[in-house]
Structure formats: structure tokens, C-alpha cells
Protein backbone atom coordinates (compact mmCIF):
# COMPACT_ATOMS: atom_id res chain seq x y z
CA MET A 1 -0.02 0.11 0.03
CA THR A 2 1.32 3.46 -1.07
CA LYS A 3 1.52 5.78 2.01
CA PHE A 4 0.97 9.71 1.08
CA LEU A 5 2.57 12.16 3.34
CA LYS A 6 0.52 14.88 5.01
CA LYS A 7 1.64 18.52 4.91
CA ASP A 8 3.00 18.37 8.52
CA GLU A 9 5.04 15.31 7.99
CA LEU A 10 7.11 17.08 5.28
CA ASN A 11 10.59 18.11 6.16
CA SER A 12 13.03 19.81 3.78
CA ASN A 13 16.92 19.82 3.92
CA TRP A 14 19.54 22.28 2.47
CA PHE A 15 21.90 21.54 -0.02
CA GLU A 16 24.87 23.77 -1.36
CA ILE A 17 26.43 23.27 -4.78
CA ASP A 18 29.55 24.98 -6.25
CA ALA A 19 28.81 25.73 -9.78
CA LYS A 20 32.35 26.48 -10.86
CA ASN A 21 33.12 24.94 -14.13
CA ALA A 22 29.77 23.01 -14.18
CA VAL A 23 27.77 22.35 -17.16
CA VAL A 24 24.26 24.56 -17.20
CA GLY A 25 22.13 21.70 -18.36
CA ARG A 26 23.73 18.70 -16.30
CA LEU A 27 23.50 20.86 -13.27
CA ALA A 28 20.04 22.13 -13.75
CA SER A 29 18.62 18.56 -14.25
CA VAL A 30 20.30 17.47 -10.71
CA ILE A 31 18.88 20.52 -9.23
CA SER A 32 15.30 20.09 -10.41
CA LYS A 33 15.36 16.44 -8.95
CA ILE A 34 16.46 17.82 -5.57
CA ILE A 35 13.82 20.69 -5.64
CA ARG A 36 10.97 18.30 -6.68
CA GLY A 37 11.97 15.78 -4.09
CA LYS A 38 12.31 12.86 -6.73
CA ASN A 39 15.72 11.99 -4.94
CA LYS A 40 13.67 11.00 -1.77
CA THR A 41 11.56 7.49 -1.15
CA THR A 42 8.41 9.78 -0.10
CA PHE A 43 8.29 11.44 -3.55
CA THR A 44 4.72 12.42 -4.07
CA PRO A 45 3.94 14.45 -7.55
CA HIS A 46 1.32 16.73 -6.43
CA MET A 47 3.24 17.52 -3.19
CA ASP A 48 6.07 20.01 -2.63
CA ASP A 49 8.36 17.64 -1.03
CA GLY A 50 11.67 18.85 -2.26
CA ASP A 51 14.76 20.53 -0.86
CA PHE A 52 16.35 23.76 -0.78
CA VAL A 53 19.29 24.05 -3.08
CA VAL A 54 21.82 27.32 -2.83
CA VAL A 55 23.96 27.41 -5.78
CA LYS A 56 27.31 29.62 -5.42
CA ASN A 57 29.96 31.11 -7.89
CA ILE A 58 27.18 31.14 -10.58
CA GLU A 59 29.42 33.59 -12.52
CA GLN A 60 31.84 30.49 -13.45
CA ILE A 61 29.29 28.34 -15.10
CA LYS A 62 29.70 26.91 -18.49
CA PHE A 63 27.85 26.12 -21.65
CA THR A 64 29.15 23.43 -23.95
CA GLY A 65 29.86 24.10 -27.53
CA LYS A 66 28.99 27.60 -29.20
CA LYS A 67 25.97 28.00 -26.94
CA PHE A 68 26.98 30.75 -24.93
CA GLN A 69 27.06 33.12 -27.99
CA ASN A 70 24.52 31.22 -30.06
CA LYS A 71 21.70 30.20 -28.00
CA LYS A 72 18.54 32.32 -27.78
CA TYR A 73 16.17 33.21 -25.31
CA TYR A 74 12.78 34.50 -26.24
CA ARG A 75 10.08 36.37 -24.30
CA HIS A 76 7.20 38.44 -25.31
CA THR A 77 6.14 41.87 -23.99
CA GLY A 78 2.52 41.17 -24.76
CA HIS A 79 2.03 43.96 -27.55
CA PRO A 80 1.86 43.24 -31.23
CA GLY A 81 5.34 42.74 -32.60
CA GLY A 82 6.94 42.44 -28.90
CA ILE A 83 8.97 39.50 -29.24
CA LYS A 84 12.47 40.09 -27.48
CA GLU A 85 15.51 37.78 -28.01
CA THR A 86 18.80 37.74 -25.85
CA THR A 87 21.82 35.12 -25.61
CA PRO A 88 23.31 33.88 -22.59
CA GLU A 89 26.41 36.04 -23.07
CA LYS A 90 24.00 39.23 -22.63
CA LEU A 91 21.86 37.50 -20.11
CA SER A 92 25.11 36.83 -17.86
CA ILE A 93 26.00 40.45 -17.90
CA LYS A 94 22.65 41.82 -16.30
CA LYS A 95 21.55 38.77 -14.55
CA PRO A 96 24.09 36.14 -14.04
CA GLY A 97 22.21 33.34 -12.55
CA GLU A 98 19.08 33.80 -15.22
CA ALA A 99 20.36 31.16 -17.54
CA LEU A 100 20.37 28.36 -14.78
CA LYS A 101 17.08 29.27 -13.36
CA LEU A 102 15.53 29.24 -16.77
CA ALA A 103 16.77 25.86 -17.37
CA VAL A 104 15.71 24.54 -13.96
CA LYS A 105 12.36 26.40 -14.32
CA ARG A 106 11.63 24.49 -17.64
CA MET A 107 12.38 21.26 -15.89
CA LEU A 108 9.80 21.62 -13.22
CA PRO A 109 6.03 21.08 -13.83
CA GLY A 110 4.10 24.35 -14.87
CA GLY A 111 1.66 25.80 -12.80
CA VAL A 112 1.31 26.78 -9.14
CA LEU A 113 3.26 23.88 -8.01
CA GLY A 114 6.09 24.35 -10.17
CA LYS A 115 6.43 28.18 -9.23
CA LYS A 116 6.24 27.08 -5.62
CA GLN A 117 9.07 24.69 -6.07
CA LEU A 118 11.17 27.22 -7.90
CA THR A 119 11.52 29.45 -4.98
CA LYS A 120 13.70 26.58 -3.20
CA LEU A 121 16.44 27.46 -5.55
CA LYS A 122 18.76 30.19 -4.20
CA ILE A 123 21.41 31.49 -6.48
CA TYR A 124 24.38 33.60 -5.76
CA SER A 125 27.62 35.14 -7.22
CA GLY A 126 30.70 34.64 -5.37
CA ASN A 127 31.51 32.16 -2.49
CA GLU A 128 29.40 33.88 0.17
CA HIS A 129 25.61 33.44 0.72
CA PRO A 130 23.28 34.22 3.62
CA HIS A 131 22.06 30.63 4.31
CA THR A 132 24.95 29.18 6.39
CA ALA A 133 22.63 29.07 9.36
CA GLN A 134 20.76 26.41 7.76
CA ASN A 135 23.97 24.15 7.54
CA PRO A 136 23.71 23.17 3.93
CA LYS A 137 25.19 19.75 3.11
CA THR A 138 27.55 20.33 0.33
CA ILE A 139 27.28 18.25 -3.01
CA GLU A 140 30.57 18.09 -5.00
CA LEU A 141 30.64 18.49 -8.91
CA LYS A 142 32.20 14.95 -9.01
CA ASP A 143 29.24 13.44 -7.44
CA LEU A 144 26.76 14.82 -9.97
CA ASN A 145 27.28 11.60 -12.09
CA ASN A 146 26.50 9.55 -9.15
CA LYS A 147 22.86 8.60 -9.03
CA ASN A 148 22.42 8.29 -5.31
CA ILE A 149 23.99 11.56 -4.21
CA VAL A 150 21.10 12.87 -1.73
CA ARG A 151 19.24 9.94 -0.89
CA ASN A 152 17.54 9.91 2.37
């Protein structure tokens, strides 16, 4: 019989990832699994059972191939002819962590639950962040290929 958790039975952990020399897509897939809670044995698709993820050193993240110059991100202003495009190169100047945030956002479910889960992602430039009081567990880049990195 499947056991479904109640809201008061949920608990969240904190994880810290150093994005230095990490590839955006591979890092985003690991982050999205942690944020959704798919790494836990208590995963329930309709509940927010995920953990918090703090990503630091976002300015040193990598894109493979020529994606840094050639990849396009589109948005629309809502007005006729209002489509805007940008590249990760231009985006990293204005908002350094936005490319990773967009990659993770597109791996989460659409709707209210996905938006709530995306708030568990904290992205910071540099080595310092204000979440040291939560004692986040560090996930090493070499562990990202290992499937069992954050099991309960």
C-alpha cells in the first residue's frame, strides 16, 4: 500500500552546490530533481516535498559548444510585434544566474506547484551566501554523475 505524506510530515533539507566549471544543463537536471523531491523515497507528484538548493559561484558556470554566444532565449512583451530575444552572453551581464534559473524552471512542472518549487532555488555570485545558518550539505561536482548523491 502506498503511503502519502501529510503537509505536517514534510521536512526539507538544504544543499549547497558550487557551480564552478559546471555545465548548465547537467547541473540544472540535478537541481530540478532535488527541488521536486524525486531523490526521496517519499516522492509524491502533487506535493512540494523538495529540498532547498543554494548555488554559489554562478559567474563561473559553463555552456558546452558555442551555446554561450548562439543560444537564444525568447520572451514576449504582450504587445503586437513585441518578441524579444537574448543570448546567455548578454543575459549573464545583466543577471548572472538567470540562465540556470530558466533551465531549472523548464524542468519543473508548469503551474502553481512548479512556481512554488522554483522558490527553493537560491543563486548567488561569489562564494558567500546568507544561508549558512541552515547548515547546507555540500554536493561536489564529481558526485553529480553518481545517481545516489542525496538519498535519505
